[in-house]
Amino acid sequence: MIEKIEPIPRIPDALRLAAIQRTKIVPFIGAGLSKIGGCPGWSEFADAALKFFVDKGKLSHAQLDQISTLPTRVKLSVALEFEHKYELPIAFKELLLPTESRRSIGDKVYADISSLATMFVTTNYDEWLDIPTPVTLDASGEAASSLSVVPDRKLFYKHADITAENLDIPNAVFHIHGSVLDRESMVLTTVDYLERYSSHRIDGGRNHENPFLTFLEVLFKSKNVLFIGYGLHELEILEYVVQKGIEKPAISDEEPQHYVLQGFFSHEIELARSLEGYFRQFGIGLIPYSRDERDWDQLVDVVRYFSRELLPSGPPLALAKRREMEDLLP
């Protein structure tokens, strides 16, 4: 049970062990991380999609106020209805651009994320992960300038490409809800979510298999996933992933395989304990950090600490892949 919420949390032993194999830890990135870099959060993104029609003179401020309290996915559905009605494509890529005042902070935190792994999964539509940012750490652990070549990342954002087979491809980014690079790939409405996470059954003939959910199942069985950037406003997105992708484990005192970084004020310890219990039923541990001094910007320091402490140096890729295969055996 969580006893205290510190600015810099303890790194669980499971993640330290996984860091030995750089192909083992998979950062799973939510909108909260991009928000630090000046992009809108999940709720702000939906509001911006509606405001697009206010700016175009198709929706009054009074009308906007009436629908502003709707759930986020409902607001996005309404925005898409307006898009069709007025034949005005929403400029989603522009809505997701970072602000100039925060861009450098986003560059910094995503550079640190880049040192944690060679594979990344995200529910974000933005391009922060698509182009790797070179980063090296000097003897003191501070970021130093680097001219090293960073391998290009293979991007997967089309529904048909989010498959378990592609988990073997190194230097990959999986936009599991689509990307602004392809408007048709973006999962936005409730109907989109229901289709993407539709019921799943493997019967040998694969007739009822949802390859996307198989991707999630294999990911969570073979990797140590670290969720970053999922605040309380993004929990509705995260719930789709964990409820469909992770089979509830038997009750156990063993250390979880996966973890979620979550910020709290120090007086919110009861909330943190409640969420700890919620995530634990899916085999996910909660790593809380304190927002008291820097609010959500504290995540920048937490990610920097994790990138220093988990800087991988371990067995060769072939051994790491063999251990992954052993983990999948019954």
C-alpha atoms as a PDB file:
ATOM      1  CA  MET A   1       0.000   0.000   0.000  1.00  0.00           C
ATOM      2  CA  ILE A   2       1.150   3.525  -0.800  1.00  0.00           C
ATOM      3  CA  GLU A   3       2.384   5.234   2.355  1.00  0.00           C
ATOM      4  CA  LYS A   4       3.775   8.490   0.964  1.00  0.00           C
ATOM      5  CA  ILE A   5       3.858  10.355  -2.343  1.00  0.00           C
ATOM      6  CA  GLU A   6       7.354  11.593  -3.194  1.00  0.00           C
ATOM      7  CA  PRO A   7       8.465  14.009  -5.973  1.00  0.00           C
ATOM      8  CA  ILE A   8      10.780  11.307  -7.358  1.00  0.00           C
ATOM      9  CA  PRO A   9       9.317   7.821  -6.869  1.00  0.00           C
ATOM     10  CA  ARG A  10      11.157   4.567  -6.331  1.00  0.00           C
ATOM     11  CA  ILE A  11      11.703   2.509  -9.464  1.00  0.00           C
ATOM     12  CA  PRO A  12      10.222  -0.996  -9.053  1.00  0.00           C
ATOM     13  CA  ASP A  13      12.646  -3.908  -9.254  1.00  0.00           C
ATOM     14  CA  ALA A  14      10.680  -5.410 -12.167  1.00  0.00           C
ATOM     15  CA  LEU A  15      11.501  -2.393 -14.322  1.00  0.00           C
ATOM     16  CA  ARG A  16      15.152  -2.399 -13.286  1.00  0.00           C
ATOM     17  CA  LEU A  17      15.417  -6.046 -14.308  1.00  0.00           C
ATOM     18  CA  ALA A  18      13.597  -5.374 -17.583  1.00  0.00           C
ATOM     19  CA  ALA A  19      16.038  -2.546 -18.358  1.00  0.00           C
ATOM     20  CA  ILE A  20      18.794  -5.141 -18.761  1.00  0.00           C
ATOM     21  CA  GLN A  21      17.054  -6.051 -22.015  1.00  0.00           C
ATOM     22  CA  ARG A  22      16.425  -2.877 -23.967  1.00  0.00           C
ATOM     23  CA  THR A  23      13.767  -4.662 -26.000  1.00  0.00           C
ATOM     24  CA  LYS A  24      11.779  -5.466 -22.834  1.00  0.00           C
ATOM     25  CA  ILE A  25      10.485  -2.113 -21.489  1.00  0.00           C
ATOM     26  CA  VAL A  26       7.846  -0.509 -23.695  1.00  0.00           C
ATOM     27  CA  PRO A  27       6.766   3.063 -22.871  1.00  0.00           C
ATOM     28  CA  PHE A  28       3.026   3.411 -23.499  1.00  0.00           C
ATOM     29  CA  ILE A  29       2.438   7.139 -24.031  1.00  0.00           C
ATOM     30  CA  GLY A  30      -0.732   9.130 -23.349  1.00  0.00           C
ATOM     31  CA  ALA A  31      -1.813  12.701 -24.036  1.00  0.00           C
ATOM     32  CA  GLY A  32      -0.494  13.975 -20.704  1.00  0.00           C
ATOM     33  CA  LEU A  33       3.099  13.718 -21.897  1.00  0.00           C
ATOM     34  CA  SER A  34       2.456  15.713 -25.072  1.00  0.00           C
ATOM     35  CA  LYS A  35       0.522  18.261 -23.023  1.00  0.00           C
ATOM     36  CA  ILE A  36       3.746  19.043 -21.172  1.00  0.00           C
ATOM     37  CA  GLY A  37       5.176  20.026 -24.567  1.00  0.00           C
ATOM     38  CA  GLY A  38       2.309  22.412 -25.295  1.00  0.00           C
ATOM     39  CA  CYS A  39      -0.124  20.095 -27.076  1.00  0.00           C
ATOM     40  CA  PRO A  40      -3.766  19.892 -25.981  1.00  0.00           C
ATOM     41  CA  GLY A  41      -4.842  17.177 -23.583  1.00  0.00           C
ATOM     42  CA  TRP A  42      -7.606  14.730 -24.502  1.00  0.00           C
ATOM     43  CA  SER A  43     -10.399  17.003 -23.263  1.00  0.00           C
ATOM     44  CA  GLU A  44      -8.832  20.175 -24.703  1.00  0.00           C
ATOM     45  CA  PHE A  45      -8.456  18.435 -28.055  1.00  0.00           C
ATOM     46  CA  ALA A  46     -12.203  17.773 -28.221  1.00  0.00           C
ATOM     47  CA  ASP A  47     -12.949  21.376 -27.217  1.00  0.00           C
ATOM     48  CA  ALA A  48     -10.583  22.658 -29.915  1.00  0.00           C
ATOM     49  CA  ALA A  49     -12.337  20.506 -32.538  1.00  0.00           C
ATOM     50  CA  LEU A  50     -15.652  22.193 -31.661  1.00  0.00           C
ATOM     51  CA  LYS A  51     -14.111  25.664 -31.465  1.00  0.00           C
ATOM     52  CA  PHE A  52     -12.868  25.128 -35.018  1.00  0.00           C
ATOM     53  CA  PHE A  53     -16.485  25.621 -36.144  1.00  0.00           C
ATOM     54  CA  VAL A  54     -16.886  28.697 -33.958  1.00  0.00           C
ATOM     55  CA  ASP A  55     -13.882  30.215 -35.701  1.00  0.00           C
ATOM     56  CA  LYS A  56     -15.408  29.320 -39.065  1.00  0.00           C
ATOM     57  CA  GLY A  57     -18.678  31.056 -38.130  1.00  0.00           C
ATOM     58  CA  LYS A  58     -20.714  27.846 -38.145  1.00  0.00           C
ATOM     59  CA  LEU A  59     -21.267  27.586 -34.400  1.00  0.00           C
ATOM     60  CA  SER A  60     -22.067  30.358 -31.922  1.00  0.00           C
ATOM     61  CA  HIS A  61     -20.467  30.690 -28.505  1.00  0.00           C
ATOM     62  CA  ALA A  62     -23.895  30.104 -26.971  1.00  0.00           C
ATOM     63  CA  GLN A  63     -24.252  26.829 -28.874  1.00  0.00           C
ATOM     64  CA  LEU A  64     -20.720  25.831 -27.892  1.00  0.00           C
ATOM     65  CA  ASP A  65     -21.520  26.453 -24.240  1.00  0.00           C
ATOM     66  CA  GLN A  66     -24.523  24.117 -24.408  1.00  0.00           C
ATOM     67  CA  ILE A  67     -22.457  21.163 -25.624  1.00  0.00           C
ATOM     68  CA  SER A  68     -19.285  21.930 -23.669  1.00  0.00           C
ATOM     69  CA  THR A  69     -20.275  19.657 -20.770  1.00  0.00           C
ATOM     70  CA  LEU A  70     -20.729  16.550 -22.910  1.00  0.00           C
ATOM     71  CA  PRO A  71     -18.248  13.672 -22.464  1.00  0.00           C
ATOM     72  CA  THR A  72     -15.087  14.030 -24.528  1.00  0.00           C
ATOM     73  CA  ARG A  73     -15.826  11.296 -27.068  1.00  0.00           C
ATOM     74  CA  VAL A  74     -19.369  12.613 -27.527  1.00  0.00           C
ATOM     75  CA  LYS A  75     -18.009  16.095 -28.250  1.00  0.00           C
ATOM     76  CA  LEU A  76     -15.682  14.635 -30.865  1.00  0.00           C
ATOM     77  CA  SER A  77     -18.618  12.790 -32.437  1.00  0.00           C
ATOM     78  CA  VAL A  78     -20.570  16.058 -32.584  1.00  0.00           C
ATOM     79  CA  ALA A  79     -17.570  17.807 -34.155  1.00  0.00           C
ATOM     80  CA  LEU A  80     -17.393  15.142 -36.855  1.00  0.00           C
ATOM     81  CA  GLU A  81     -21.109  15.601 -37.530  1.00  0.00           C
ATOM     82  CA  PHE A  82     -20.430  19.320 -38.075  1.00  0.00           C
ATOM     83  CA  GLU A  83     -17.515  18.408 -40.314  1.00  0.00           C
ATOM     84  CA  HIS A  84     -19.838  16.390 -42.533  1.00  0.00           C
ATOM     85  CA  LYS A  85     -22.710  18.892 -42.348  1.00  0.00           C
ATOM     86  CA  TYR A  86     -20.640  21.955 -43.316  1.00  0.00           C
ATOM     87  CA  GLU A  87     -18.118  20.097 -45.531  1.00  0.00           C
ATOM     88  CA  LEU A  88     -15.292  21.662 -43.544  1.00  0.00           C
ATOM     89  CA  PRO A  89     -12.490  19.178 -42.728  1.00  0.00           C
ATOM     90  CA  ILE A  90     -11.199  19.769 -39.206  1.00  0.00           C
ATOM     91  CA  ALA A  91      -7.517  20.719 -39.223  1.00  0.00           C
ATOM     92  CA  PHE A  92      -6.537  18.073 -36.669  1.00  0.00           C
ATOM     93  CA  LYS A  93      -2.807  18.393 -37.342  1.00  0.00           C
ATOM     94  CA  GLU A  94      -2.920  22.119 -36.590  1.00  0.00           C
ATOM     95  CA  LEU A  95      -4.957  21.520 -33.433  1.00  0.00           C
ATOM     96  CA  LEU A  96      -2.222  19.214 -32.132  1.00  0.00           C
ATOM     97  CA  LEU A  97       0.760  21.482 -32.788  1.00  0.00           C
ATOM     98  CA  PRO A  98       2.766  22.312 -29.644  1.00  0.00           C
ATOM     99  CA  THR A  99       3.022  25.893 -28.440  1.00  0.00           C
ATOM    100  CA  GLU A 100       6.370  27.571 -29.021  1.00  0.00           C
ATOM    101  CA  SER A 101       6.752  28.388 -25.331  1.00  0.00           C
ATOM    102  CA  ARG A 102       6.558  24.688 -24.385  1.00  0.00           C
ATOM    103  CA  ARG A 103       8.108  22.965 -27.396  1.00  0.00           C
ATOM    104  CA  SER A 104      11.611  22.802 -25.888  1.00  0.00           C
ATOM    105  CA  ILE A 105      10.212  21.104 -22.770  1.00  0.00           C
ATOM    106  CA  GLY A 106       8.491  18.542 -24.983  1.00  0.00           C
ATOM    107  CA  ASP A 107      11.736  17.939 -26.875  1.00  0.00           C
ATOM    108  CA  LYS A 108      13.498  17.343 -23.577  1.00  0.00           C
ATOM    109  CA  VAL A 109      11.033  14.874 -22.106  1.00  0.00           C
ATOM    110  CA  TYR A 110      10.637  12.920 -25.360  1.00  0.00           C
ATOM    111  CA  ALA A 111      14.429  12.723 -25.712  1.00  0.00           C
ATOM    112  CA  ASP A 112      14.561  11.114 -22.281  1.00  0.00           C
ATOM    113  CA  ILE A 113      11.756   8.748 -23.243  1.00  0.00           C
ATOM    114  CA  SER A 114      13.802   7.756 -26.292  1.00  0.00           C
ATOM    115  CA  SER A 115      16.608   6.441 -24.087  1.00  0.00           C
ATOM    116  CA  LEU A 116      14.287   4.021 -22.306  1.00  0.00           C
ATOM    117  CA  ALA A 117      13.413   1.673 -25.158  1.00  0.00           C
ATOM    118  CA  THR A 118      13.486   0.796 -28.843  1.00  0.00           C
ATOM    119  CA  MET A 119       9.728   0.284 -29.159  1.00  0.00           C
ATOM    120  CA  PHE A 120       6.963   2.714 -28.253  1.00  0.00           C
ATOM    121  CA  VAL A 121       3.180   2.436 -28.126  1.00  0.00           C
ATOM    122  CA  THR A 122       0.893   5.458 -27.946  1.00  0.00           C
ATOM    123  CA  THR A 123      -2.771   6.377 -28.050  1.00  0.00           C
ATOM    124  CA  ASN A 124      -1.743   9.871 -29.200  1.00  0.00           C
ATOM    125  CA  TYR A 125      -2.288  11.107 -32.740  1.00  0.00           C
ATOM    126  CA  ASP A 126       0.615  13.591 -32.666  1.00  0.00           C
ATOM    127  CA  GLU A 127       4.116  13.180 -34.106  1.00  0.00           C
ATOM    128  CA  TRP A 128       6.300  13.578 -31.011  1.00  0.00           C
ATOM    129  CA  LEU A 129       7.490   9.957 -31.076  1.00  0.00           C
ATOM    130  CA  ASP A 130       7.831   9.681 -34.836  1.00  0.00           C
ATOM    131  CA  ILE A 131      11.187  11.428 -35.158  1.00  0.00           C
ATOM    132  CA  PRO A 132      13.670  10.273 -32.495  1.00  0.00           C
ATOM    133  CA  THR A 133      15.546  12.974 -30.599  1.00  0.00           C
ATOM    134  CA  PRO A 134      19.246  12.201 -30.024  1.00  0.00           C
ATOM    135  CA  VAL A 135      20.268  12.360 -26.388  1.00  0.00           C
ATOM    136  CA  THR A 136      23.310  11.292 -24.415  1.00  0.00           C
ATOM    137  CA  LEU A 137      24.004  11.496 -20.708  1.00  0.00           C
ATOM    138  CA  ASP A 138      27.295  12.815 -19.366  1.00  0.00           C
ATOM    139  CA  ALA A 139      29.039  11.529 -16.239  1.00  0.00           C
ATOM    140  CA  SER A 140      26.757  13.550 -13.971  1.00  0.00           C
ATOM    141  CA  GLY A 141      23.656  12.190 -15.645  1.00  0.00           C
ATOM    142  CA  GLU A 142      22.825  15.481 -17.368  1.00  0.00           C
ATOM    143  CA  ALA A 143      21.863  15.616 -21.022  1.00  0.00           C
ATOM    144  CA  ALA A 144      24.775  16.505 -23.262  1.00  0.00           C
ATOM    145  CA  SER A 145      24.838  17.596 -26.889  1.00  0.00           C
ATOM    146  CA  SER A 146      25.131  14.704 -29.290  1.00  0.00           C
ATOM    147  CA  LEU A 147      25.793  14.237 -32.973  1.00  0.00           C
ATOM    148  CA  SER A 148      25.162  10.512 -32.838  1.00  0.00           C
ATOM    149  CA  VAL A 149      22.981   8.995 -35.521  1.00  0.00           C
ATOM    150  CA  VAL A 150      19.610   7.790 -34.241  1.00  0.00           C
ATOM    151  CA  PRO A 151      17.922   5.098 -36.357  1.00  0.00           C
ATOM    152  CA  ASP A 152      14.741   6.125 -38.128  1.00  0.00           C
ATOM    153  CA  ARG A 153      11.614   4.726 -36.557  1.00  0.00           C
ATOM    154  CA  LYS A 154       9.167   2.534 -38.369  1.00  0.00           C
ATOM    155  CA  LEU A 155       5.688   3.973 -37.927  1.00  0.00           C
ATOM    156  CA  PHE A 156       2.539   1.871 -37.610  1.00  0.00           C
ATOM    157  CA  TYR A 157      -0.748   3.732 -37.492  1.00  0.00           C
ATOM    158  CA  LYS A 158      -3.103   2.013 -39.923  1.00  0.00           C
ATOM    159  CA  HIS A 159      -5.479  -0.469 -38.316  1.00  0.00           C
ATOM    160  CA  ALA A 160      -4.280  -3.351 -40.485  1.00  0.00           C
ATOM    161  CA  ASP A 161      -0.660  -2.791 -39.423  1.00  0.00           C
ATOM    162  CA  ILE A 162      -1.228  -2.984 -35.655  1.00  0.00           C
ATOM    163  CA  THR A 163      -0.480  -6.716 -35.445  1.00  0.00           C
ATOM    164  CA  ALA A 164       1.472  -9.016 -33.152  1.00  0.00           C
ATOM    165  CA  GLU A 165       3.756  -9.942 -36.041  1.00  0.00           C
ATOM    166  CA  ASN A 166       5.026  -6.361 -36.249  1.00  0.00           C
ATOM    167  CA  LEU A 167       6.092  -6.413 -32.596  1.00  0.00           C
ATOM    168  CA  ASP A 168       9.323  -8.031 -33.800  1.00  0.00           C
ATOM    169  CA  ILE A 169      10.304  -4.955 -35.807  1.00  0.00           C
ATOM    170  CA  PRO A 170      12.928  -2.820 -33.997  1.00  0.00           C
ATOM    171  CA  ASN A 171      12.796   0.983 -33.642  1.00  0.00           C
ATOM    172  CA  ALA A 172       9.015   1.035 -34.048  1.00  0.00           C
ATOM    173  CA  VAL A 173       6.208   3.333 -32.943  1.00  0.00           C
ATOM    174  CA  PHE A 174       2.662   1.981 -32.779  1.00  0.00           C
ATOM    175  CA  HIS A 175      -0.062   4.648 -32.920  1.00  0.00           C
ATOM    176  CA  ILE A 176      -2.815   2.272 -31.869  1.00  0.00           C
ATOM    177  CA  HIS A 177      -5.542   4.923 -32.283  1.00  0.00           C
ATOM    178  CA  GLY A 178      -4.184   6.303 -35.534  1.00  0.00           C
ATOM    179  CA  SER A 179      -2.109   9.331 -36.488  1.00  0.00           C
ATOM    180  CA  VAL A 180      -2.549  12.807 -37.936  1.00  0.00           C
ATOM    181  CA  LEU A 181      -0.465  11.475 -40.828  1.00  0.00           C
ATOM    182  CA  ASP A 182      -3.578   9.607 -41.979  1.00  0.00           C
ATOM    183  CA  ARG A 183      -6.922  11.197 -41.130  1.00  0.00           C
ATOM    184  CA  GLU A 184      -8.817   7.968 -41.811  1.00  0.00           C
ATOM    185  CA  SER A 185      -6.746   6.053 -39.270  1.00  0.00           C
ATOM    186  CA  MET A 186      -7.786   8.218 -36.299  1.00  0.00           C
ATOM    187  CA  VAL A 187     -10.024   6.572 -33.676  1.00  0.00           C
ATOM    188  CA  LEU A 188     -12.192   9.470 -32.485  1.00  0.00           C
ATOM    189  CA  THR A 189     -15.829   8.578 -31.853  1.00  0.00           C
ATOM    190  CA  THR A 190     -17.532   6.047 -29.606  1.00  0.00           C
ATOM    191  CA  VAL A 191     -18.337   3.964 -32.684  1.00  0.00           C
ATOM    192  CA  ASP A 192     -14.641   3.993 -33.649  1.00  0.00           C
ATOM    193  CA  TYR A 193     -13.677   2.699 -30.193  1.00  0.00           C
ATOM    194  CA  LEU A 194     -16.322  -0.009 -30.208  1.00  0.00           C
ATOM    195  CA  GLU A 195     -15.118  -1.234 -33.589  1.00  0.00           C
ATOM    196  CA  ARG A 196     -11.421  -1.148 -32.635  1.00  0.00           C
ATOM    197  CA  TYR A 197     -11.999  -2.999 -29.355  1.00  0.00           C
ATOM    198  CA  SER A 198     -14.722  -5.354 -30.591  1.00  0.00           C
ATOM    199  CA  SER A 199     -15.249  -8.739 -28.933  1.00  0.00           C
ATOM    200  CA  HIS A 200     -12.419 -11.196 -29.269  1.00  0.00           C
ATOM    201  CA  ARG A 201     -12.192 -14.960 -29.498  1.00  0.00           C
ATOM    202  CA  ILE A 202      -9.480 -17.168 -30.959  1.00  0.00           C
ATOM    203  CA  ASP A 203     -10.837 -20.557 -32.034  1.00  0.00           C
ATOM    204  CA  GLY A 204      -7.922 -22.027 -33.946  1.00  0.00           C
ATOM    205  CA  GLY A 205      -9.396 -21.065 -37.289  1.00  0.00           C
ATOM    206  CA  ARG A 206      -8.903 -17.385 -36.419  1.00  0.00           C
ATOM    207  CA  ASN A 207     -12.373 -16.625 -37.775  1.00  0.00           C
ATOM    208  CA  HIS A 208     -13.306 -14.566 -34.727  1.00  0.00           C
ATOM    209  CA  GLU A 209      -9.936 -13.060 -33.950  1.00  0.00           C
ATOM    210  CA  ASN A 210      -9.447  -9.319 -33.668  1.00  0.00           C
ATOM    211  CA  PRO A 211      -5.745  -8.930 -34.668  1.00  0.00           C
ATOM    212  CA  PHE A 212      -5.564  -5.606 -32.848  1.00  0.00           C
ATOM    213  CA  LEU A 213      -6.509  -7.237 -29.535  1.00  0.00           C
ATOM    214  CA  THR A 214      -4.065 -10.055 -30.233  1.00  0.00           C
ATOM    215  CA  PHE A 215      -1.420  -7.336 -30.591  1.00  0.00           C
ATOM    216  CA  LEU A 216      -2.307  -6.025 -27.126  1.00  0.00           C
ATOM    217  CA  GLU A 217      -2.350  -9.508 -25.606  1.00  0.00           C
ATOM    218  CA  VAL A 218       1.106 -10.395 -26.935  1.00  0.00           C
ATOM    219  CA  LEU A 219       2.453  -6.976 -25.963  1.00  0.00           C
ATOM    220  CA  PHE A 220       1.356  -7.372 -22.343  1.00  0.00           C
ATOM    221  CA  LYS A 221       2.520 -10.983 -22.111  1.00  0.00           C
ATOM    222  CA  SER A 222       5.993 -10.438 -23.578  1.00  0.00           C
ATOM    223  CA  LYS A 223       6.928  -6.907 -22.438  1.00  0.00           C
ATOM    224  CA  ASN A 224       7.082  -4.745 -19.344  1.00  0.00           C
ATOM    225  CA  VAL A 225       4.801  -1.844 -20.209  1.00  0.00           C
ATOM    226  CA  LEU A 226       5.266   1.541 -18.536  1.00  0.00           C
ATOM    227  CA  PHE A 227       2.243   3.822 -18.975  1.00  0.00           C
ATOM    228  CA  ILE A 228       3.226   7.501 -19.014  1.00  0.00           C
ATOM    229  CA  GLY A 229       0.973  10.523 -19.492  1.00  0.00           C
ATOM    230  CA  TYR A 230      -2.383   9.096 -18.423  1.00  0.00           C
ATOM    231  CA  GLY A 231      -3.967  11.454 -15.934  1.00  0.00           C
ATOM    232  CA  LEU A 232      -7.473  11.139 -14.566  1.00  0.00           C
ATOM    233  CA  HIS A 233      -8.870  12.771 -17.723  1.00  0.00           C
ATOM    234  CA  GLU A 234      -7.239  10.083 -19.881  1.00  0.00           C
ATOM    235  CA  LEU A 235      -8.421   7.119 -17.812  1.00  0.00           C
ATOM    236  CA  GLU A 236     -11.371   6.492 -20.133  1.00  0.00           C
ATOM    237  CA  ILE A 237      -8.880   5.798 -22.935  1.00  0.00           C
ATOM    238  CA  LEU A 238      -6.622   3.687 -20.761  1.00  0.00           C
ATOM    239  CA  GLU A 239      -9.579   1.605 -19.594  1.00  0.00           C
ATOM    240  CA  TYR A 240     -10.188   0.370 -23.141  1.00  0.00           C
ATOM    241  CA  VAL A 241      -6.595  -0.816 -23.342  1.00  0.00           C
ATOM    242  CA  VAL A 242      -6.268  -2.581 -19.999  1.00  0.00           C
ATOM    243  CA  GLN A 243      -9.735  -4.128 -19.910  1.00  0.00           C
ATOM    244  CA  LYS A 244      -9.433  -5.611 -23.398  1.00  0.00           C
ATOM    245  CA  GLY A 245      -5.688  -6.225 -23.570  1.00  0.00           C
ATOM    246  CA  ILE A 246      -4.890  -7.732 -20.165  1.00  0.00           C
ATOM    247  CA  GLU A 247      -6.454 -10.846 -18.743  1.00  0.00           C
ATOM    248  CA  LYS A 248      -7.125 -10.317 -15.055  1.00  0.00           C
ATOM    249  CA  PRO A 249      -4.460 -12.278 -13.161  1.00  0.00           C
ATOM    250  CA  ALA A 250      -5.102 -14.371 -10.091  1.00  0.00           C
ATOM    251  CA  ILE A 251      -4.772 -12.491  -6.806  1.00  0.00           C
ATOM    252  CA  SER A 252      -1.087 -12.521  -5.892  1.00  0.00           C
ATOM    253  CA  ASP A 253       1.485 -10.685  -3.821  1.00  0.00           C
ATOM    254  CA  GLU A 254       4.000 -10.883  -6.675  1.00  0.00           C
ATOM    255  CA  GLU A 255       5.371  -7.646  -8.053  1.00  0.00           C
ATOM    256  CA  PRO A 256       3.387  -6.475 -11.110  1.00  0.00           C
ATOM    257  CA  GLN A 257       4.801  -6.822 -14.610  1.00  0.00           C
ATOM    258  CA  HIS A 258       3.478  -3.441 -15.794  1.00  0.00           C
ATOM    259  CA  TYR A 259       3.322   0.014 -14.224  1.00  0.00           C
ATOM    260  CA  VAL A 260       1.618   3.360 -14.640  1.00  0.00           C
ATOM    261  CA  LEU A 261       3.200   6.688 -13.661  1.00  0.00           C
ATOM    262  CA  GLN A 262       0.582   8.974 -12.133  1.00  0.00           C
ATOM    263  CA  GLY A 263       0.837  12.394 -10.515  1.00  0.00           C
ATOM    264  CA  PHE A 264      -0.973  13.318  -7.291  1.00  0.00           C
ATOM    265  CA  PHE A 265      -0.882  16.089  -4.744  1.00  0.00           C
ATOM    266  CA  SER A 266       0.484  14.766  -1.462  1.00  0.00           C
ATOM    267  CA  HIS A 267      -2.903  15.076   0.262  1.00  0.00           C
ATOM    268  CA  GLU A 268      -4.512  12.805  -2.371  1.00  0.00           C
ATOM    269  CA  ILE A 269      -3.091   9.660  -0.839  1.00  0.00           C
ATOM    270  CA  GLU A 270      -6.508   8.009  -0.486  1.00  0.00           C
ATOM    271  CA  LEU A 271      -7.191   8.632  -4.189  1.00  0.00           C
ATOM    272  CA  ALA A 272      -3.783   7.148  -5.024  1.00  0.00           C
ATOM    273  CA  ARG A 273      -4.530   4.060  -2.914  1.00  0.00           C
ATOM    274  CA  SER A 274      -7.904   3.600  -4.598  1.00  0.00           C
ATOM    275  CA  LEU A 275      -6.345   3.784  -8.076  1.00  0.00           C
ATOM    276  CA  GLU A 276      -3.581   1.454  -6.930  1.00  0.00           C
ATOM    277  CA  GLY A 277      -6.228  -1.153  -6.117  1.00  0.00           C
ATOM    278  CA  TYR A 278      -8.009  -0.577  -9.428  1.00  0.00           C
ATOM    279  CA  PHE A 279      -4.865  -1.056 -11.530  1.00  0.00           C
ATOM    280  CA  ARG A 280      -3.598  -3.960  -9.456  1.00  0.00           C
ATOM    281  CA  GLN A 281      -6.555  -6.123 -10.531  1.00  0.00           C
ATOM    282  CA  PHE A 282      -5.063  -5.998 -14.047  1.00  0.00           C
ATOM    283  CA  GLY A 283      -1.535  -6.764 -12.878  1.00  0.00           C
ATOM    284  CA  ILE A 284      -0.481  -3.121 -13.162  1.00  0.00           C
ATOM    285  CA  GLY A 285       1.386  -1.352 -10.392  1.00  0.00           C
ATOM    286  CA  LEU A 286       0.910   2.343  -9.639  1.00  0.00           C
ATOM    287  CA  ILE A 287       3.974   4.577  -9.331  1.00  0.00           C
ATOM    288  CA  PRO A 288       2.794   7.858  -7.772  1.00  0.00           C
ATOM    289  CA  TYR A 289       4.768  11.085  -7.820  1.00  0.00           C
ATOM    290  CA  SER A 290       4.079  14.400  -6.119  1.00  0.00           C
ATOM    291  CA  ARG A 291       2.750  17.403  -8.051  1.00  0.00           C
ATOM    292  CA  ASP A 292       3.015  19.723  -5.046  1.00  0.00           C
ATOM    293  CA  GLU A 293       5.869  21.907  -6.284  1.00  0.00           C
ATOM    294  CA  ARG A 294       5.779  21.775 -10.096  1.00  0.00           C
ATOM    295  CA  ASP A 295       2.340  20.359 -10.874  1.00  0.00           C
ATOM    296  CA  TRP A 296       2.403  18.203 -14.042  1.00  0.00           C
ATOM    297  CA  ASP A 297       5.853  19.506 -15.005  1.00  0.00           C
ATOM    298  CA  GLN A 298       7.197  17.261 -12.258  1.00  0.00           C
ATOM    299  CA  LEU A 299       6.774  14.433 -14.758  1.00  0.00           C
ATOM    300  CA  VAL A 300       9.720  15.909 -16.704  1.00  0.00           C
ATOM    301  CA  ASP A 301      12.015  15.300 -13.730  1.00  0.00           C
ATOM    302  CA  VAL A 302      10.538  11.865 -13.073  1.00  0.00           C
ATOM    303  CA  VAL A 303      11.104  10.769 -16.673  1.00  0.00           C
ATOM    304  CA  ARG A 304      14.640  12.198 -16.559  1.00  0.00           C
ATOM    305  CA  TYR A 305      15.343  10.166 -13.407  1.00  0.00           C
ATOM    306  CA  PHE A 306      13.948   6.999 -14.959  1.00  0.00           C
ATOM    307  CA  SER A 307      16.008   7.529 -18.128  1.00  0.00           C
ATOM    308  CA  ARG A 308      19.207   7.830 -16.069  1.00  0.00           C
ATOM    309  CA  GLU A 309      18.499   4.900 -13.784  1.00  0.00           C
ATOM    310  CA  LEU A 310      17.197   2.562 -16.478  1.00  0.00           C
ATOM    311  CA  LEU A 311      19.778   3.397 -19.132  1.00  0.00           C
ATOM    312  CA  PRO A 312      20.046  -0.035 -20.733  1.00  0.00           C
ATOM    313  CA  SER A 313      23.266  -2.026 -20.782  1.00  0.00           C
ATOM    314  CA  GLY A 314      22.663  -5.728 -20.971  1.00  0.00           C
ATOM    315  CA  PRO A 315      22.651  -8.942 -23.002  1.00  0.00           C
ATOM    316  CA  PRO A 316      22.626  -8.939 -26.794  1.00  0.00           C
ATOM    317  CA  LEU A 317      19.412  -8.760 -28.769  1.00  0.00           C
ATOM    318  CA  ALA A 318      19.363 -12.477 -29.593  1.00  0.00           C
ATOM    319  CA  LEU A 319      19.369 -13.415 -25.897  1.00  0.00           C
ATOM    320  CA  ALA A 320      16.674 -10.840 -25.146  1.00  0.00           C
ATOM    321  CA  LYS A 321      14.445 -12.270 -27.892  1.00  0.00           C
ATOM    322  CA  ARG A 322      14.979 -15.819 -26.599  1.00  0.00           C
ATOM    323  CA  ARG A 323      13.893 -14.734 -23.100  1.00  0.00           C
ATOM    324  CA  GLU A 324      10.779 -13.123 -24.560  1.00  0.00           C
ATOM    325  CA  MET A 325       9.857 -16.365 -26.313  1.00  0.00           C
ATOM    326  CA  GLU A 326      10.361 -18.279 -23.050  1.00  0.00           C
ATOM    327  CA  ASP A 327       7.988 -15.867 -21.307  1.00  0.00           C
ATOM    328  CA  LEU A 328       5.251 -16.706 -23.831  1.00  0.00           C
ATOM    329  CA  LEU A 329       5.479 -20.450 -23.203  1.00  0.00           C
ATOM    330  CA  PRO A 330       2.707 -21.915 -21.006  1.00  0.00           C
END
